[in-house]
Each structure stands twice: as structure tokens, then as C-alpha cells.
Protein backbone atom coordinates (compact mmCIF):
# COMPACT_ATOMS: atom_id res chain seq x y z
CA UNK A 1 176.04 -67.00 -51.89
CA UNK A 2 175.32 -63.81 -53.79
CA UNK A 3 171.74 -62.79 -54.57
CA UNK A 4 170.81 -62.20 -58.19
CA UNK A 5 168.03 -59.64 -58.33
CA UNK A 6 167.44 -59.52 -62.08
CA UNK A 7 168.41 -61.32 -65.24
CA UNK A 8 170.72 -58.52 -66.39
CA UNK A 9 173.08 -59.52 -63.59
CA UNK A 10 173.69 -62.89 -65.24
CA UNK A 11 176.67 -63.15 -67.58
CA UNK A 12 176.08 -64.56 -71.07
CA UNK A 13 177.93 -67.78 -70.12
CA UNK A 14 177.26 -69.13 -66.63
CA UNK A 15 179.46 -71.08 -64.25
CA UNK A 16 178.25 -73.53 -61.61
CA UNK A 17 178.57 -70.67 -59.09
CA UNK A 18 176.23 -68.49 -61.19
CA UNK A 19 173.71 -71.35 -61.38
CA UNK A 20 174.07 -71.91 -57.64
CA UNK A 21 173.41 -68.25 -56.88
CA UNK A 22 170.50 -67.91 -59.28
CA UNK A 23 168.69 -71.05 -58.10
CA UNK A 24 169.77 -70.60 -54.46
CA UNK A 25 170.97 -74.19 -54.23
CA UNK A 26 174.06 -75.81 -52.77
CA UNK A 27 177.35 -75.93 -54.62
CA UNK A 28 177.17 -79.71 -54.88
CA UNK A 29 173.63 -79.59 -56.32
CA UNK A 30 174.75 -77.07 -58.94
CA UNK A 31 177.54 -79.43 -60.01
CA UNK A 32 175.05 -82.31 -60.13
CA UNK A 33 172.88 -80.29 -62.54
CA UNK A 34 175.83 -79.91 -64.91
CA UNK A 35 176.08 -83.71 -65.02
CA UNK A 36 172.40 -84.26 -65.90
CA UNK A 37 171.74 -85.19 -69.50
CA UNK A 38 168.83 -82.74 -69.77
CA UNK A 39 170.97 -79.80 -68.60
CA UNK A 40 172.32 -77.73 -71.54
CA UNK A 41 175.95 -77.69 -70.39
CA UNK A 42 178.86 -77.00 -72.71
CA UNK A 43 182.56 -77.71 -72.14
CA UNK A 44 185.12 -74.96 -72.67
CA UNK A 45 188.71 -76.03 -72.10
CA UNK A 46 187.64 -78.77 -69.72
CA UNK A 47 185.33 -76.46 -67.75
CA UNK A 48 181.57 -76.88 -67.82
CA UNK A 49 179.49 -73.81 -68.54
CA UNK A 50 175.98 -73.05 -69.77
CA UNK A 51 174.71 -70.29 -72.02
CA UNK A 52 172.42 -67.92 -70.09
CA UNK A 53 169.57 -68.12 -72.62
CA UNK A 54 169.66 -71.93 -72.76
CA UNK A 55 169.80 -72.09 -68.96
CA UNK A 56 166.78 -69.81 -68.62
CA UNK A 57 164.86 -71.92 -71.14
CA UNK A 58 165.80 -75.01 -69.13
CA UNK A 59 164.55 -73.35 -65.92
CA UNK A 60 161.33 -72.29 -67.66
CA UNK A 61 160.55 -75.87 -68.70
CA UNK A 62 160.74 -76.94 -65.06
CA UNK A 63 158.17 -74.52 -63.66
CA UNK A 64 155.49 -76.05 -61.48
CA UNK A 65 152.04 -74.71 -62.20
CA UNK A 66 149.80 -74.49 -59.14
CA UNK A 67 146.06 -74.69 -59.72
């Protein structure tokens, strides 16, 4: 698993591997995310991808606020 230190390291269209590395989750969990209805996945030639900006918005909506 590679470590992503800043957002500039993310390509404009992400693969499951990119999502896995960014969220530091397992490969199978990354693939599960692509199947979720709320996840902004797109299909390109039979391959699932996600636009970086839409992915980051999706991540932002899932932040947990600690009081």
C-alpha cells in the first residue's frame, strides 16, 4: 500500500487502488465502496473509476465531528 501525503498526488480519475491507498483500507473494502449506491463511481470501458473531486466531496460528507 502506497502512502499518499497530499492531494496533488491523486490523479484526476481514481482507481480502486488509489481509493485504497488514500483511505488506507483493504483492497476488498475499496471494491465494496465502488458498489455502494452513494459512492460516485463511473464506468469507463467496463472498469469502475471515480473522479478525484467527486471522491473528495464524498469523503468530506462522511467526516465525523468530535465535540
